[in-house]
Every structure is written in structure tokens, then in C-alpha cells.
All heavy atoms as atom14 arrays in JSON, in Angstrom:
{
  "sequence": "AHLTGWTLVSLTEDEQAEVTGAYDNGDEYDTLADVYAERDGERRLIGD",
  "atom14_mask": [
    [1, 1, 1, 1, 1, 0, 0, 0, 0, 0, 0, 0, 0, 0],
    [1, 1, 1, 1, 1, 1, 1, 1, 1, 1, 0, 0, 0, 0],
    [1, 1, 1, 1, 1, 1, 1, 1, 0, 0, 0, 0, 0, 0],
    [1, 1, 1, 1, 1, 1, 1, 0, 0, 0, 0, 0, 0, 0],
    [1, 1, 1, 1, 0, 0, 0, 0, 0, 0, 0, 0, 0, 0],
    [1, 1, 1, 1, 1, 1, 1, 1, 1, 1, 1, 1, 1, 1],
    [1, 1, 1, 1, 1, 1, 1, 0, 0, 0, 0, 0, 0, 0],
    [1, 1, 1, 1, 1, 1, 1, 1, 0, 0, 0, 0, 0, 0],
    [1, 1, 1, 1, 1, 1, 1, 0, 0, 0, 0, 0, 0, 0],
    [1, 1, 1, 1, 1, 1, 0, 0, 0, 0, 0, 0, 0, 0],
    [1, 1, 1, 1, 1, 1, 1, 1, 0, 0, 0, 0, 0, 0],
    [1, 1, 1, 1, 1, 1, 1, 0, 0, 0, 0, 0, 0, 0],
    [1, 1, 1, 1, 1, 1, 1, 1, 1, 0, 0, 0, 0, 0],
    [1, 1, 1, 1, 1, 1, 1, 1, 0, 0, 0, 0, 0, 0],
    [1, 1, 1, 1, 1, 1, 1, 1, 1, 0, 0, 0, 0, 0],
    [1, 1, 1, 1, 1, 1, 1, 1, 1, 0, 0, 0, 0, 0],
    [1, 1, 1, 1, 1, 0, 0, 0, 0, 0, 0, 0, 0, 0],
    [1, 1, 1, 1, 1, 1, 1, 1, 1, 0, 0, 0, 0, 0],
    [1, 1, 1, 1, 1, 1, 1, 0, 0, 0, 0, 0, 0, 0],
    [1, 1, 1, 1, 1, 1, 1, 0, 0, 0, 0, 0, 0, 0],
    [1, 1, 1, 1, 0, 0, 0, 0, 0, 0, 0, 0, 0, 0],
    [1, 1, 1, 1, 1, 0, 0, 0, 0, 0, 0, 0, 0, 0],
    [1, 1, 1, 1, 1, 1, 1, 1, 1, 1, 1, 1, 0, 0],
    [1, 1, 1, 1, 1, 1, 1, 1, 0, 0, 0, 0, 0, 0],
    [1, 1, 1, 1, 1, 1, 1, 1, 0, 0, 0, 0, 0, 0],
    [1, 1, 1, 1, 0, 0, 0, 0, 0, 0, 0, 0, 0, 0],
    [1, 1, 1, 1, 1, 1, 1, 1, 0, 0, 0, 0, 0, 0],
    [1, 1, 1, 1, 1, 1, 1, 1, 1, 0, 0, 0, 0, 0],
    [1, 1, 1, 1, 1, 1, 1, 1, 1, 1, 1, 1, 0, 0],
    [1, 1, 1, 1, 1, 1, 1, 1, 0, 0, 0, 0, 0, 0],
    [1, 1, 1, 1, 1, 1, 1, 0, 0, 0, 0, 0, 0, 0],
    [1, 1, 1, 1, 1, 1, 1, 1, 0, 0, 0, 0, 0, 0],
    [1, 1, 1, 1, 1, 0, 0, 0, 0, 0, 0, 0, 0, 0],
    [1, 1, 1, 1, 1, 1, 1, 1, 0, 0, 0, 0, 0, 0],
    [1, 1, 1, 1, 1, 1, 1, 0, 0, 0, 0, 0, 0, 0],
    [1, 1, 1, 1, 1, 1, 1, 1, 1, 1, 1, 1, 0, 0],
    [1, 1, 1, 1, 1, 0, 0, 0, 0, 0, 0, 0, 0, 0],
    [1, 1, 1, 1, 1, 1, 1, 1, 1, 0, 0, 0, 0, 0],
    [1, 1, 1, 1, 1, 1, 1, 1, 1, 1, 1, 0, 0, 0],
    [1, 1, 1, 1, 1, 1, 1, 1, 0, 0, 0, 0, 0, 0],
    [1, 1, 1, 1, 0, 0, 0, 0, 0, 0, 0, 0, 0, 0],
    [1, 1, 1, 1, 1, 1, 1, 1, 1, 0, 0, 0, 0, 0],
    [1, 1, 1, 1, 1, 1, 1, 1, 1, 1, 1, 0, 0, 0],
    [1, 1, 1, 1, 1, 1, 1, 1, 1, 1, 1, 0, 0, 0],
    [1, 1, 1, 1, 1, 1, 1, 1, 0, 0, 0, 0, 0, 0],
    [1, 1, 1, 1, 1, 1, 1, 1, 0, 0, 0, 0, 0, 0],
    [1, 1, 1, 1, 0, 0, 0, 0, 0, 0, 0, 0, 0, 0],
    [1, 1, 1, 1, 1, 1, 1, 1, 0, 0, 0, 0, 0, 0]
  ],
  "atom14_positions": [
    [[103.27, 72.33, 104.88], [104.42, 73.07, 105.51], [105.44, 72.13, 106.11], [106.65, 72.21, 105.92], [103.95, 74.2, 106.45], [0.0, 0.0, 0.0], [0.0, 0.0, 0.0], [0.0, 0.0, 0.0], [0.0, 0.0, 0.0], [0.0, 0.0, 0.0], [0.0, 0.0, 0.0], [0.0, 0.0, 0.0], [0.0, 0.0, 0.0], [0.0, 0.0, 0.0]],
    [[104.92, 71.15, 106.9], [105.78, 70.17, 107.59], [106.56, 69.35, 106.63], [107.76, 69.32, 106.77], [104.9, 69.25, 108.39], [105.6, 68.14, 109.15], [106.59, 68.39, 110.04], [105.46, 66.81, 109.0], [107.08, 67.14, 110.42], [106.37, 66.28, 109.8], [0.0, 0.0, 0.0], [0.0, 0.0, 0.0], [0.0, 0.0, 0.0], [0.0, 0.0, 0.0]],
    [[105.95, 68.91, 105.56], [106.62, 67.97, 104.62], [107.62, 68.72, 103.63], [108.38, 68.16, 103.0], [105.67, 67.16, 103.88], [104.85, 66.18, 104.68], [103.73, 65.53, 103.89], [105.84, 65.11, 105.35], [0.0, 0.0, 0.0], [0.0, 0.0, 0.0], [0.0, 0.0, 0.0], [0.0, 0.0, 0.0], [0.0, 0.0, 0.0], [0.0, 0.0, 0.0]],
    [[107.49, 70.04, 103.58], [108.4, 70.87, 102.72], [109.51, 71.5, 103.53], [110.13, 72.4, 103.06], [107.61, 71.91, 101.91], [106.85, 72.73, 102.79], [106.73, 71.21, 100.9], [0.0, 0.0, 0.0], [0.0, 0.0, 0.0], [0.0, 0.0, 0.0], [0.0, 0.0, 0.0], [0.0, 0.0, 0.0], [0.0, 0.0, 0.0], [0.0, 0.0, 0.0]],
    [[109.77, 71.02, 104.77], [110.87, 71.4, 105.47], [110.76, 72.55, 106.51], [111.72, 72.95, 107.08], [0.0, 0.0, 0.0], [0.0, 0.0, 0.0], [0.0, 0.0, 0.0], [0.0, 0.0, 0.0], [0.0, 0.0, 0.0], [0.0, 0.0, 0.0], [0.0, 0.0, 0.0], [0.0, 0.0, 0.0], [0.0, 0.0, 0.0], [0.0, 0.0, 0.0]],
    [[109.55, 72.95, 106.8], [109.3, 73.95, 107.77], [109.0, 73.3, 109.17], [108.29, 72.27, 109.2], [108.11, 74.81, 107.37], [108.38, 75.68, 106.11], [108.38, 75.29, 104.87], [108.72, 77.02, 106.18], [108.71, 76.33, 104.04], [108.9, 77.44, 104.85], [108.89, 78.02, 107.21], [109.25, 78.75, 104.54], [109.18, 79.25, 106.84], [109.43, 79.68, 105.48]],
    [[109.45, 73.9, 110.17], [109.1, 73.49, 111.54], [107.84, 74.17, 111.87], [107.73, 75.37, 111.81], [110.18, 73.84, 112.54], [111.39, 73.15, 112.17], [109.9, 73.57, 113.93], [0.0, 0.0, 0.0], [0.0, 0.0, 0.0], [0.0, 0.0, 0.0], [0.0, 0.0, 0.0], [0.0, 0.0, 0.0], [0.0, 0.0, 0.0], [0.0, 0.0, 0.0]],
    [[106.87, 73.4, 112.34], [105.64, 73.93, 112.82], [105.71, 74.27, 114.25], [106.23, 73.52, 115.07], [104.45, 72.92, 112.59], [104.29, 72.45, 111.18], [103.11, 71.46, 111.07], [104.11, 73.49, 110.18], [0.0, 0.0, 0.0], [0.0, 0.0, 0.0], [0.0, 0.0, 0.0], [0.0, 0.0, 0.0], [0.0, 0.0, 0.0], [0.0, 0.0, 0.0]],
    [[105.19, 75.46, 114.62], [105.25, 75.94, 115.95], [103.9, 76.3, 116.48], [103.06, 76.81, 115.77], [106.1, 77.21, 116.15], [106.09, 77.76, 117.5], [107.53, 76.96, 115.57], [0.0, 0.0, 0.0], [0.0, 0.0, 0.0], [0.0, 0.0, 0.0], [0.0, 0.0, 0.0], [0.0, 0.0, 0.0], [0.0, 0.0, 0.0], [0.0, 0.0, 0.0]],
    [[103.53, 75.77, 117.59], [102.26, 75.91, 118.2], [102.45, 76.4, 119.58], [102.74, 75.66, 120.57], [101.45, 74.6, 118.3], [100.2, 74.84, 118.83], [0.0, 0.0, 0.0], [0.0, 0.0, 0.0], [0.0, 0.0, 0.0], [0.0, 0.0, 0.0], [0.0, 0.0, 0.0], [0.0, 0.0, 0.0], [0.0, 0.0, 0.0], [0.0, 0.0, 0.0]],
    [[102.3, 77.7, 119.88], [102.51, 78.26, 121.15], [101.21, 78.12, 121.98], [100.13, 77.8, 121.45], [102.83, 79.76, 121.07], [104.04, 80.1, 120.21], [104.22, 81.63, 120.0], [105.32, 79.56, 120.78], [0.0, 0.0, 0.0], [0.0, 0.0, 0.0], [0.0, 0.0, 0.0], [0.0, 0.0, 0.0], [0.0, 0.0, 0.0], [0.0, 0.0, 0.0]],
    [[101.27, 78.44, 123.26], [100.08, 78.42, 124.11], [99.21, 79.56, 123.69], [99.67, 80.52, 123.07], [100.42, 78.52, 125.63], [101.05, 79.72, 125.81], [101.27, 77.37, 126.04], [0.0, 0.0, 0.0], [0.0, 0.0, 0.0], [0.0, 0.0, 0.0], [0.0, 0.0, 0.0], [0.0, 0.0, 0.0], [0.0, 0.0, 0.0], [0.0, 0.0, 0.0]],
    [[97.95, 79.5, 124.07], [96.93, 80.51, 123.65], [97.29, 81.9, 124.07], [96.94, 82.9, 123.39], [95.55, 80.11, 124.19], [94.9, 78.87, 123.53], [93.62, 78.6, 124.05], [92.95, 79.49, 124.58], [93.17, 77.46, 123.94], [0.0, 0.0, 0.0], [0.0, 0.0, 0.0], [0.0, 0.0, 0.0], [0.0, 0.0, 0.0], [0.0, 0.0, 0.0]],
    [[98.05, 82.04, 125.14], [98.37, 83.44, 125.58], [99.67, 83.86, 125.05], [100.12, 85.02, 125.38], [98.31, 83.48, 127.12], [99.32, 82.51, 127.78], [99.67, 81.53, 127.13], [99.65, 82.76, 128.93], [0.0, 0.0, 0.0], [0.0, 0.0, 0.0], [0.0, 0.0, 0.0], [0.0, 0.0, 0.0], [0.0, 0.0, 0.0], [0.0, 0.0, 0.0]],
    [[100.35, 83.09, 124.26], [101.58, 83.48, 123.6], [101.43, 83.75, 122.1], [100.61, 83.07, 121.43], [102.64, 82.38, 123.75], [103.13, 82.1, 125.16], [104.18, 81.0, 125.11], [103.78, 79.87, 124.86], [105.3, 81.32, 125.43], [0.0, 0.0, 0.0], [0.0, 0.0, 0.0], [0.0, 0.0, 0.0], [0.0, 0.0, 0.0], [0.0, 0.0, 0.0]],
    [[102.14, 84.68, 121.54], [102.11, 84.96, 120.17], [103.54, 85.39, 119.74], [104.27, 85.94, 120.48], [101.11, 86.05, 119.77], [99.67, 85.54, 119.93], [98.75, 86.51, 119.41], [98.89, 87.69, 119.38], [97.62, 85.98, 118.82], [0.0, 0.0, 0.0], [0.0, 0.0, 0.0], [0.0, 0.0, 0.0], [0.0, 0.0, 0.0], [0.0, 0.0, 0.0]],
    [[103.84, 85.22, 118.44], [105.03, 85.68, 117.88], [104.82, 86.44, 116.62], [103.79, 86.24, 115.93], [105.93, 84.47, 117.53], [0.0, 0.0, 0.0], [0.0, 0.0, 0.0], [0.0, 0.0, 0.0], [0.0, 0.0, 0.0], [0.0, 0.0, 0.0], [0.0, 0.0, 0.0], [0.0, 0.0, 0.0], [0.0, 0.0, 0.0], [0.0, 0.0, 0.0]],
    [[105.71, 87.31, 116.33], [105.59, 88.07, 115.02], [105.97, 87.24, 113.92], [107.03, 86.58, 113.89], [106.52, 89.34, 115.15], [106.19, 90.26, 113.99], [106.93, 91.59, 114.22], [106.66, 92.26, 115.19], [107.71, 91.94, 113.27], [0.0, 0.0, 0.0], [0.0, 0.0, 0.0], [0.0, 0.0, 0.0], [0.0, 0.0, 0.0], [0.0, 0.0, 0.0]],
    [[105.08, 87.12, 112.9], [105.3, 86.31, 111.71], [104.97, 87.21, 110.49], [104.4, 88.26, 110.59], [104.47, 85.04, 111.71], [104.77, 84.26, 112.99], [102.98, 85.43, 111.6], [0.0, 0.0, 0.0], [0.0, 0.0, 0.0], [0.0, 0.0, 0.0], [0.0, 0.0, 0.0], [0.0, 0.0, 0.0], [0.0, 0.0, 0.0], [0.0, 0.0, 0.0]],
    [[105.41, 86.67, 109.36], [105.22, 87.39, 108.05], [104.11, 86.68, 107.29], [104.0, 85.43, 107.2], [106.47, 87.36, 107.24], [107.54, 88.05, 107.96], [106.28, 88.12, 105.89], [0.0, 0.0, 0.0], [0.0, 0.0, 0.0], [0.0, 0.0, 0.0], [0.0, 0.0, 0.0], [0.0, 0.0, 0.0], [0.0, 0.0, 0.0], [0.0, 0.0, 0.0]],
    [[103.17, 87.48, 106.8], [102.12, 86.93, 105.94], [102.28, 87.55, 104.58], [103.14, 88.51, 104.36], [0.0, 0.0, 0.0], [0.0, 0.0, 0.0], [0.0, 0.0, 0.0], [0.0, 0.0, 0.0], [0.0, 0.0, 0.0], [0.0, 0.0, 0.0], [0.0, 0.0, 0.0], [0.0, 0.0, 0.0], [0.0, 0.0, 0.0], [0.0, 0.0, 0.0]],
    [[101.57, 87.15, 103.66], [101.54, 87.71, 102.28], [100.23, 87.84, 101.63], [99.29, 87.1, 101.92], [102.4, 86.63, 101.37], [0.0, 0.0, 0.0], [0.0, 0.0, 0.0], [0.0, 0.0, 0.0], [0.0, 0.0, 0.0], [0.0, 0.0, 0.0], [0.0, 0.0, 0.0], [0.0, 0.0, 0.0], [0.0, 0.0, 0.0], [0.0, 0.0, 0.0]],
    [[100.11, 88.92, 100.91], [98.87, 89.17, 100.16], [99.04, 88.49, 98.77], [100.15, 88.13, 98.38], [98.66, 90.72, 99.96], [98.52, 91.49, 101.29], [99.47, 92.33, 101.69], [97.3, 91.39, 101.98], [99.24, 93.11, 102.83], [97.1, 92.07, 103.16], [98.08, 92.94, 103.55], [97.94, 93.71, 104.68], [0.0, 0.0, 0.0], [0.0, 0.0, 0.0]],
    [[97.92, 88.38, 98.08], [97.92, 87.79, 96.69], [98.93, 88.53, 95.77], [99.51, 87.89, 94.89], [96.55, 87.79, 96.11], [95.8, 86.56, 96.4], [96.4, 85.47, 96.67], [94.52, 86.52, 96.35], [0.0, 0.0, 0.0], [0.0, 0.0, 0.0], [0.0, 0.0, 0.0], [0.0, 0.0, 0.0], [0.0, 0.0, 0.0], [0.0, 0.0, 0.0]],
    [[99.07, 89.79, 95.98], [99.9, 90.56, 95.03], [101.34, 90.4, 95.4], [102.27, 90.93, 94.72], [99.53, 92.01, 94.95], [99.78, 92.72, 96.33], [100.34, 92.12, 97.29], [99.39, 93.97, 96.39], [0.0, 0.0, 0.0], [0.0, 0.0, 0.0], [0.0, 0.0, 0.0], [0.0, 0.0, 0.0], [0.0, 0.0, 0.0], [0.0, 0.0, 0.0]],
    [[101.68, 89.6, 96.47], [103.05, 89.42, 96.8], [103.57, 90.31, 97.9], [104.67, 90.09, 98.52], [0.0, 0.0, 0.0], [0.0, 0.0, 0.0], [0.0, 0.0, 0.0], [0.0, 0.0, 0.0], [0.0, 0.0, 0.0], [0.0, 0.0, 0.0], [0.0, 0.0, 0.0], [0.0, 0.0, 0.0], [0.0, 0.0, 0.0], [0.0, 0.0, 0.0]],
    [[102.85, 91.39, 98.22], [103.23, 92.3, 99.31], [103.2, 91.52, 100.66], [102.32, 90.61, 100.79], [102.29, 93.47, 99.4], [102.55, 94.5, 98.22], [103.55, 94.37, 97.6], [101.69, 95.38, 98.02], [0.0, 0.0, 0.0], [0.0, 0.0, 0.0], [0.0, 0.0, 0.0], [0.0, 0.0, 0.0], [0.0, 0.0, 0.0], [0.0, 0.0, 0.0]],
    [[104.16, 91.83, 101.53], [104.1, 91.11, 102.8], [103.68, 92.03, 103.9], [103.78, 93.23, 103.76], [105.52, 90.57, 103.04], [105.87, 89.5, 102.07], [107.22, 88.82, 102.32], [108.06, 89.47, 103.12], [107.46, 87.76, 101.8], [0.0, 0.0, 0.0], [0.0, 0.0, 0.0], [0.0, 0.0, 0.0], [0.0, 0.0, 0.0], [0.0, 0.0, 0.0]],
    [[103.31, 91.48, 105.04], [102.9, 92.21, 106.22], [103.27, 91.41, 107.49], [103.51, 90.28, 107.34], [101.43, 92.49, 106.19], [100.61, 91.3, 106.26], [100.16, 90.71, 107.43], [100.14, 90.59, 105.05], [99.35, 89.56, 107.52], [99.42, 89.47, 105.11], [99.03, 88.94, 106.32], [98.26, 87.78, 106.33], [0.0, 0.0, 0.0], [0.0, 0.0, 0.0]],
    [[103.49, 92.13, 108.55], [103.87, 91.44, 109.75], [102.54, 91.29, 110.58], [101.68, 92.22, 110.62], [104.83, 92.33, 110.63], [106.17, 92.32, 109.99], [106.53, 91.3, 109.29], [106.89, 93.3, 110.05], [0.0, 0.0, 0.0], [0.0, 0.0, 0.0], [0.0, 0.0, 0.0], [0.0, 0.0, 0.0], [0.0, 0.0, 0.0], [0.0, 0.0, 0.0]],
    [[102.4, 90.24, 111.3], [101.25, 89.96, 112.11], [101.68, 89.18, 113.29], [102.82, 88.7, 113.35], [100.09, 89.23, 111.31], [98.92, 89.26, 112.17], [100.46, 87.87, 110.88], [0.0, 0.0, 0.0], [0.0, 0.0, 0.0], [0.0, 0.0, 0.0], [0.0, 0.0, 0.0], [0.0, 0.0, 0.0], [0.0, 0.0, 0.0], [0.0, 0.0, 0.0]],
    [[100.76, 88.88, 114.23], [101.02, 88.06, 115.36], [100.26, 86.76, 115.2], [99.18, 86.73, 114.72], [100.59, 88.74, 116.75], [101.41, 90.02, 117.09], [100.8, 90.63, 118.41], [102.84, 89.6, 117.29], [0.0, 0.0, 0.0], [0.0, 0.0, 0.0], [0.0, 0.0, 0.0], [0.0, 0.0, 0.0], [0.0, 0.0, 0.0], [0.0, 0.0, 0.0]],
    [[100.88, 85.63, 115.6], [100.22, 84.35, 115.53], [100.75, 83.41, 116.61], [101.84, 83.54, 117.01], [100.52, 83.69, 114.11], [0.0, 0.0, 0.0], [0.0, 0.0, 0.0], [0.0, 0.0, 0.0], [0.0, 0.0, 0.0], [0.0, 0.0, 0.0], [0.0, 0.0, 0.0], [0.0, 0.0, 0.0], [0.0, 0.0, 0.0], [0.0, 0.0, 0.0]],
    [[99.85, 82.48, 116.99], [100.3, 81.45, 117.97], [100.63, 80.19, 117.25], [101.16, 79.29, 117.93], [99.27, 81.33, 119.09], [97.85, 80.93, 118.62], [97.69, 80.84, 117.37], [97.05, 80.66, 119.48], [0.0, 0.0, 0.0], [0.0, 0.0, 0.0], [0.0, 0.0, 0.0], [0.0, 0.0, 0.0], [0.0, 0.0, 0.0], [0.0, 0.0, 0.0]],
    [[100.32, 80.04, 115.99], [100.69, 78.87, 115.28], [101.25, 79.32, 113.91], [100.66, 80.17, 113.24], [99.44, 77.95, 114.93], [99.85, 76.76, 114.11], [98.76, 77.55, 116.26], [0.0, 0.0, 0.0], [0.0, 0.0, 0.0], [0.0, 0.0, 0.0], [0.0, 0.0, 0.0], [0.0, 0.0, 0.0], [0.0, 0.0, 0.0], [0.0, 0.0, 0.0]],
    [[102.45, 78.86, 113.55], [103.11, 79.29, 112.34], [104.16, 78.32, 111.95], [104.42, 77.29, 112.65], [103.72, 80.68, 112.58], [104.72, 80.76, 113.77], [106.12, 80.47, 113.6], [104.31, 80.99, 115.13], [106.94, 80.61, 114.68], [105.2, 81.16, 116.1], [106.56, 80.89, 115.92], [107.44, 80.96, 116.97], [0.0, 0.0, 0.0], [0.0, 0.0, 0.0]],
    [[104.78, 78.54, 110.76], [105.86, 77.76, 110.23], [107.18, 78.6, 110.35], [107.19, 79.81, 110.11], [105.59, 77.38, 108.76], [0.0, 0.0, 0.0], [0.0, 0.0, 0.0], [0.0, 0.0, 0.0], [0.0, 0.0, 0.0], [0.0, 0.0, 0.0], [0.0, 0.0, 0.0], [0.0, 0.0, 0.0], [0.0, 0.0, 0.0], [0.0, 0.0, 0.0]],
    [[108.24, 77.86, 110.68], [109.6, 78.5, 110.88], [110.66, 77.72, 110.16], [110.7, 76.51, 110.25], [109.83, 78.69, 112.34], [111.12, 79.38, 112.69], [111.26, 79.61, 114.19], [111.15, 78.55, 114.92], [111.37, 80.71, 114.56], [0.0, 0.0, 0.0], [0.0, 0.0, 0.0], [0.0, 0.0, 0.0], [0.0, 0.0, 0.0], [0.0, 0.0, 0.0]],
    [[111.57, 78.48, 109.5], [112.64, 77.79, 108.88], [113.79, 78.77, 108.62], [113.48, 79.97, 108.18], [112.27, 77.22, 107.48], [113.42, 76.48, 106.75], [112.95, 75.74, 105.6], [112.5, 76.55, 104.46], [111.91, 76.13, 103.45], [111.67, 74.83, 103.31], [111.57, 76.98, 102.45], [0.0, 0.0, 0.0], [0.0, 0.0, 0.0], [0.0, 0.0, 0.0]],
    [[114.95, 78.48, 109.02], [116.12, 79.35, 108.8], [115.91, 80.76, 109.43], [116.28, 81.75, 108.8], [116.46, 79.49, 107.33], [116.84, 78.17, 106.78], [117.4, 77.28, 107.43], [116.58, 77.9, 105.54], [0.0, 0.0, 0.0], [0.0, 0.0, 0.0], [0.0, 0.0, 0.0], [0.0, 0.0, 0.0], [0.0, 0.0, 0.0], [0.0, 0.0, 0.0]],
    [[115.29, 80.82, 110.61], [114.98, 82.08, 111.24], [113.78, 82.85, 110.7], [113.54, 83.9, 111.16], [0.0, 0.0, 0.0], [0.0, 0.0, 0.0], [0.0, 0.0, 0.0], [0.0, 0.0, 0.0], [0.0, 0.0, 0.0], [0.0, 0.0, 0.0], [0.0, 0.0, 0.0], [0.0, 0.0, 0.0], [0.0, 0.0, 0.0], [0.0, 0.0, 0.0]],
    [[113.15, 82.38, 109.73], [112.04, 83.04, 109.11], [110.73, 82.46, 109.68], [110.67, 81.28, 109.71], [112.08, 82.89, 107.62], [110.99, 83.56, 106.8], [111.17, 83.26, 105.29], [112.05, 82.48, 104.84], [110.41, 83.9, 104.58], [0.0, 0.0, 0.0], [0.0, 0.0, 0.0], [0.0, 0.0, 0.0], [0.0, 0.0, 0.0], [0.0, 0.0, 0.0]],
    [[109.79, 83.26, 110.01], [108.53, 82.89, 110.58], [107.41, 83.3, 109.54], [107.31, 84.48, 109.28], [108.19, 83.45, 111.92], [109.12, 82.99, 112.96], [108.9, 83.75, 114.26], [109.71, 83.27, 115.33], [109.84, 83.88, 116.44], [109.23, 85.02, 116.79], [110.67, 83.36, 117.36], [0.0, 0.0, 0.0], [0.0, 0.0, 0.0], [0.0, 0.0, 0.0]],
    [[106.61, 82.32, 109.12], [105.52, 82.64, 108.2], [104.23, 81.95, 108.57], [104.23, 80.96, 109.28], [105.97, 82.09, 106.82], [107.17, 82.76, 106.17], [106.98, 83.01, 104.67], [107.93, 83.96, 104.27], [107.55, 85.19, 103.83], [106.37, 85.54, 103.83], [108.47, 86.01, 103.33], [0.0, 0.0, 0.0], [0.0, 0.0, 0.0], [0.0, 0.0, 0.0]],
    [[103.17, 82.5, 108.05], [101.86, 81.92, 108.3], [101.82, 80.56, 107.55], [102.31, 80.46, 106.37], [100.73, 82.73, 107.74], [100.59, 84.11, 108.52], [99.49, 84.98, 107.83], [100.12, 83.79, 109.98], [0.0, 0.0, 0.0], [0.0, 0.0, 0.0], [0.0, 0.0, 0.0], [0.0, 0.0, 0.0], [0.0, 0.0, 0.0], [0.0, 0.0, 0.0]],
    [[101.3, 79.53, 108.1], [101.28, 78.21, 107.59], [100.51, 78.2, 106.28], [101.04, 77.54, 105.23], [100.71, 77.18, 108.58], [101.58, 76.96, 109.77], [100.31, 75.85, 107.92], [101.0, 76.14, 110.85], [0.0, 0.0, 0.0], [0.0, 0.0, 0.0], [0.0, 0.0, 0.0], [0.0, 0.0, 0.0], [0.0, 0.0, 0.0], [0.0, 0.0, 0.0]],
    [[99.4, 78.91, 106.17], [98.69, 78.85, 104.93], [99.46, 79.49, 103.76], [99.33, 79.03, 102.62], [0.0, 0.0, 0.0], [0.0, 0.0, 0.0], [0.0, 0.0, 0.0], [0.0, 0.0, 0.0], [0.0, 0.0, 0.0], [0.0, 0.0, 0.0], [0.0, 0.0, 0.0], [0.0, 0.0, 0.0], [0.0, 0.0, 0.0], [0.0, 0.0, 0.0]],
    [[100.23, 80.48, 104.05], [101.08, 81.09, 103.0], [102.08, 80.21, 102.48], [102.42, 80.08, 101.34], [101.71, 82.43, 103.51], [100.64, 83.52, 103.72], [99.48, 83.34, 103.47], [101.09, 84.55, 104.32], [0.0, 0.0, 0.0], [0.0, 0.0, 0.0], [0.0, 0.0, 0.0], [0.0, 0.0, 0.0], [0.0, 0.0, 0.0], [0.0, 0.0, 0.0]]
  ]
}
């Protein structure tokens, strides 16, 4: 994620942000995470 232009964000354990995750079929869902990737205002799970 870092090398493909995403900013990595690591919040403190008691902080979380709403991010987007994806299922294998391409459907997306919203979840909370304290570690995620962000680019152009978009927040995504690092693994995705």
C-alpha cells in the first residue's frame, strides 16, 4: 500500500475511523479500523 501511493494511517488503540472494505465479489462495506490506507480522501483496508 505504501509503495503504490497510499498514505498509511495508524491511530491510537482507542481511536478508529470509518473505512471501506471489499468482499471477493467486489461488493464493498463500511467498517471501523485503527490502521488503514488513505489516498485522495478515500480510506481503505490495507489488505484490500
